[in-house]
Amino acid sequence: MAEIAIDPTLGPILARTGDERAVLESFLDFHRAIVMRKLHGLADVDARRRLVPSLTTLAGLVKHLTLVERNWFSGLLAPEPGEVYQHTEEKAAAGFILDDADTVQSLLAGYERACARSRAVAARFDLDHVVPHPHPLLGEVSLRWILTHLIEETARHAGHADILRELTDGSTGAL
């Protein structure tokens, strides 16, 4: 029997009586979906447009969040050969810098791949699984903490994306 795909914006509603993992994962997927929806239908030039003094653009937010996903799940939780957790502010800021090859389509596809990989990595561990973090203040972090941090990070940038999209064409809201 084919699996029915559920709109991720319904996840938090469907998980309202679910276990902790279902709630955490549904809220993260909810905010991921909002970020992706903010780019849908935009021309590349509009997604790249700087509307605030910083490097923050709609395209840059998606590129940054792609790096955040890779960093926390692949780079820290389950690195493959050659993958390293990047923990400097300079490297985090570099995620907002766009290359000529960065298009709405390529950025969304890359983000979707990174999120799918993050889900697969997270599925291998229980919420109490702990890994060392290179920042001395953090010491060790659990998968629970990583999921909560990614919800916070993605939600914050979804809010930025909402404002930028409204400034671009007047479109607002999560849906």
Protein backbone atom coordinates (compact mmCIF):
# COMPACT_ATOMS: atom_id res chain seq x y z
CA MET A 1 0.00 0.00 0.00
CA ALA A 2 1.33 3.43 -0.92
CA GLU A 3 2.15 5.79 1.93
CA ILE A 4 0.03 8.92 2.01
CA ALA A 5 2.05 12.13 2.18
CA ILE A 6 0.75 14.52 4.83
CA ASP A 7 1.14 18.24 4.41
CA PRO A 8 3.86 19.15 6.96
CA THR A 9 1.92 22.25 7.98
CA LEU A 10 -0.65 19.87 9.49
CA GLY A 11 1.97 17.96 11.49
CA PRO A 12 1.69 19.92 14.74
CA ILE A 13 -2.09 19.51 14.67
CA LEU A 14 -1.85 15.78 14.00
CA ALA A 15 0.85 15.31 16.68
CA ARG A 16 -1.04 17.23 19.38
CA THR A 17 -1.38 14.07 21.49
CA GLY A 18 1.72 12.34 20.16
CA ASP A 19 4.86 11.46 22.02
CA GLU A 20 7.70 13.93 22.51
CA ARG A 21 9.55 12.88 19.36
CA ALA A 22 6.46 13.19 17.16
CA VAL A 23 5.79 16.68 18.53
CA LEU A 24 9.40 17.86 18.08
CA GLU A 25 9.73 16.45 14.57
CA SER A 26 6.35 17.77 13.44
CA PHE A 27 7.12 21.30 14.60
CA LEU A 28 10.52 21.22 12.89
CA ASP A 29 8.95 19.97 9.65
CA PHE A 30 6.24 22.65 9.98
CA HIS A 31 8.83 25.44 10.08
CA ARG A 32 10.90 23.83 7.32
CA ALA A 33 7.79 23.81 5.11
CA ILE A 34 7.08 27.48 5.85
CA VAL A 35 10.61 28.42 4.80
CA MET A 36 10.28 26.49 1.55
CA ARG A 37 6.86 27.99 0.81
CA LYS A 38 8.31 31.49 1.14
CA LEU A 39 10.48 30.84 -1.94
CA HIS A 40 7.91 29.03 -4.07
CA GLY A 41 6.76 31.09 -7.00
CA LEU A 42 9.53 33.67 -6.75
CA ALA A 43 11.84 34.59 -9.58
CA ASP A 44 15.53 34.19 -8.79
CA VAL A 45 16.03 37.95 -8.88
CA ASP A 46 13.32 38.45 -6.26
CA ALA A 47 14.69 35.71 -4.00
CA ARG A 48 18.15 37.31 -4.16
CA ARG A 49 16.94 40.87 -3.56
CA ARG A 50 18.42 42.54 -0.47
CA LEU A 51 15.63 44.34 1.34
CA VAL A 52 17.46 44.86 4.64
CA PRO A 53 20.97 46.18 5.37
CA SER A 54 22.37 42.72 6.22
CA LEU A 55 23.12 39.92 3.75
CA THR A 56 19.74 38.38 4.58
CA THR A 57 17.71 37.51 1.49
CA LEU A 58 15.06 34.87 0.94
CA ALA A 59 17.52 32.81 -1.08
CA GLY A 60 20.25 33.36 1.50
CA LEU A 61 17.99 32.18 4.33
CA VAL A 62 17.39 28.87 2.56
CA LYS A 63 21.08 28.46 1.80
CA HIS A 64 21.92 29.23 5.44
CA LEU A 65 19.33 26.78 6.79
CA THR A 66 20.63 24.09 4.44
CA LEU A 67 24.07 24.51 6.00
CA VAL A 68 22.51 24.52 9.50
CA GLU A 69 20.77 21.19 8.79
CA ARG A 70 23.97 19.64 7.46
CA ASN A 71 26.02 21.04 10.30
CA TRP A 72 23.92 19.79 13.20
CA PHE A 73 22.73 16.43 11.91
CA SER A 74 25.46 15.26 9.53
CA GLY A 75 28.39 17.28 10.81
CA LEU A 76 27.83 16.82 14.55
CA LEU A 77 25.45 13.93 15.16
CA ALA A 78 26.59 11.46 12.49
CA PRO A 79 29.46 12.77 10.36
CA GLU A 80 30.55 10.81 7.35
CA PRO A 81 34.18 10.92 6.18
CA GLY A 82 35.11 14.49 5.35
CA GLU A 83 32.17 16.09 7.16
CA VAL A 84 33.03 18.38 10.03
CA TYR A 85 30.93 20.51 12.34
CA GLN A 86 31.55 24.19 11.56
CA HIS A 87 31.30 26.33 14.65
CA THR A 88 32.60 29.79 13.86
CA GLU A 89 30.43 32.85 13.29
CA GLU A 90 32.35 33.55 10.08
CA LYS A 91 31.39 30.16 8.63
CA ALA A 92 27.77 30.62 9.71
CA ALA A 93 27.59 34.05 8.05
CA ALA A 94 29.12 32.64 4.85
CA GLY A 95 25.96 30.59 4.41
CA PHE A 96 24.09 33.76 3.44
CA ILE A 97 26.44 34.50 0.53
CA LEU A 98 24.98 33.37 -2.78
CA ASP A 99 26.87 31.94 -5.73
CA ASP A 100 25.88 32.57 -9.36
CA ALA A 101 24.64 28.96 -9.52
CA ASP A 102 22.23 29.45 -6.60
CA THR A 103 18.70 29.53 -8.00
CA VAL A 104 15.37 29.20 -6.23
CA GLN A 105 15.07 25.70 -7.68
CA SER A 106 18.59 24.59 -6.71
CA LEU A 107 18.35 26.08 -3.22
CA LEU A 108 14.99 24.46 -2.51
CA ALA A 109 16.20 21.10 -3.83
CA GLY A 110 19.34 21.33 -1.70
CA TYR A 111 17.33 22.24 1.39
CA GLU A 112 14.89 19.39 0.82
CA ARG A 113 17.80 16.94 0.47
CA ALA A 114 19.46 18.28 3.63
CA CYS A 115 16.20 18.00 5.59
CA ALA A 116 15.63 14.45 4.33
CA ARG A 117 19.13 13.49 5.40
CA SER A 118 18.60 15.16 8.78
CA ARG A 119 15.43 13.11 9.28
CA ALA A 120 17.27 9.91 8.35
CA VAL A 121 20.16 10.68 10.71
CA ALA A 122 17.84 11.62 13.57
CA ALA A 123 15.82 8.43 13.10
CA ARG A 124 18.92 6.38 13.95
CA PHE A 125 19.13 7.76 17.50
CA ASP A 126 16.88 8.11 20.51
CA LEU A 127 16.23 11.56 21.95
CA ASP A 128 18.66 10.96 24.82
CA HIS A 129 21.58 10.17 22.48
CA VAL A 130 24.42 12.57 23.35
CA VAL A 131 27.37 13.80 21.28
CA PRO A 132 30.21 16.13 22.22
CA HIS A 133 29.93 19.69 20.97
CA PRO A 134 33.12 21.62 20.14
CA HIS A 135 31.99 24.76 21.97
CA PRO A 136 33.24 24.53 25.57
CA LEU A 137 30.05 26.04 27.01
CA LEU A 138 27.89 23.32 25.50
CA GLY A 139 29.99 20.27 26.32
CA GLU A 140 27.58 17.60 25.17
CA VAL A 141 24.24 17.93 23.42
CA SER A 142 21.42 15.43 23.03
CA LEU A 143 19.34 14.76 19.94
CA ARG A 144 16.44 16.30 21.91
CA TRP A 145 18.46 19.50 22.32
CA ILE A 146 19.48 19.50 18.63
CA LEU A 147 15.86 19.12 17.51
CA THR A 148 14.76 21.91 19.85
CA HIS A 149 17.58 24.15 18.65
CA LEU A 150 16.70 23.49 15.00
CA ILE A 151 13.04 24.32 15.70
CA GLU A 152 14.17 27.64 17.21
CA GLU A 153 16.62 28.41 14.40
CA THR A 154 14.25 27.45 11.60
CA ALA A 155 11.27 29.26 13.17
CA ARG A 156 13.31 32.43 13.64
CA HIS A 157 14.37 32.40 10.00
CA ALA A 158 10.84 31.50 8.86
CA GLY A 159 9.78 34.76 10.50
CA HIS A 160 12.51 36.61 8.66
CA ALA A 161 11.38 34.95 5.42
CA ASP A 162 7.79 35.99 6.07
CA ILE A 163 8.82 39.63 6.41
CA LEU A 164 11.06 39.50 3.33
CA ARG A 165 8.34 37.85 1.25
CA GLU A 166 5.83 40.50 2.37
CA LEU A 167 8.31 43.20 1.33
CA THR A 168 8.80 41.44 -2.00
CA ASP A 169 5.21 40.91 -3.15
CA GLY A 170 2.86 41.42 -0.20
CA SER A 171 2.42 37.70 0.48
CA THR A 172 2.13 36.83 4.19
CA GLY A 173 1.31 33.93 6.46
CA ALA A 174 2.43 30.36 7.05
CA LEU A 175 0.22 28.91 4.36
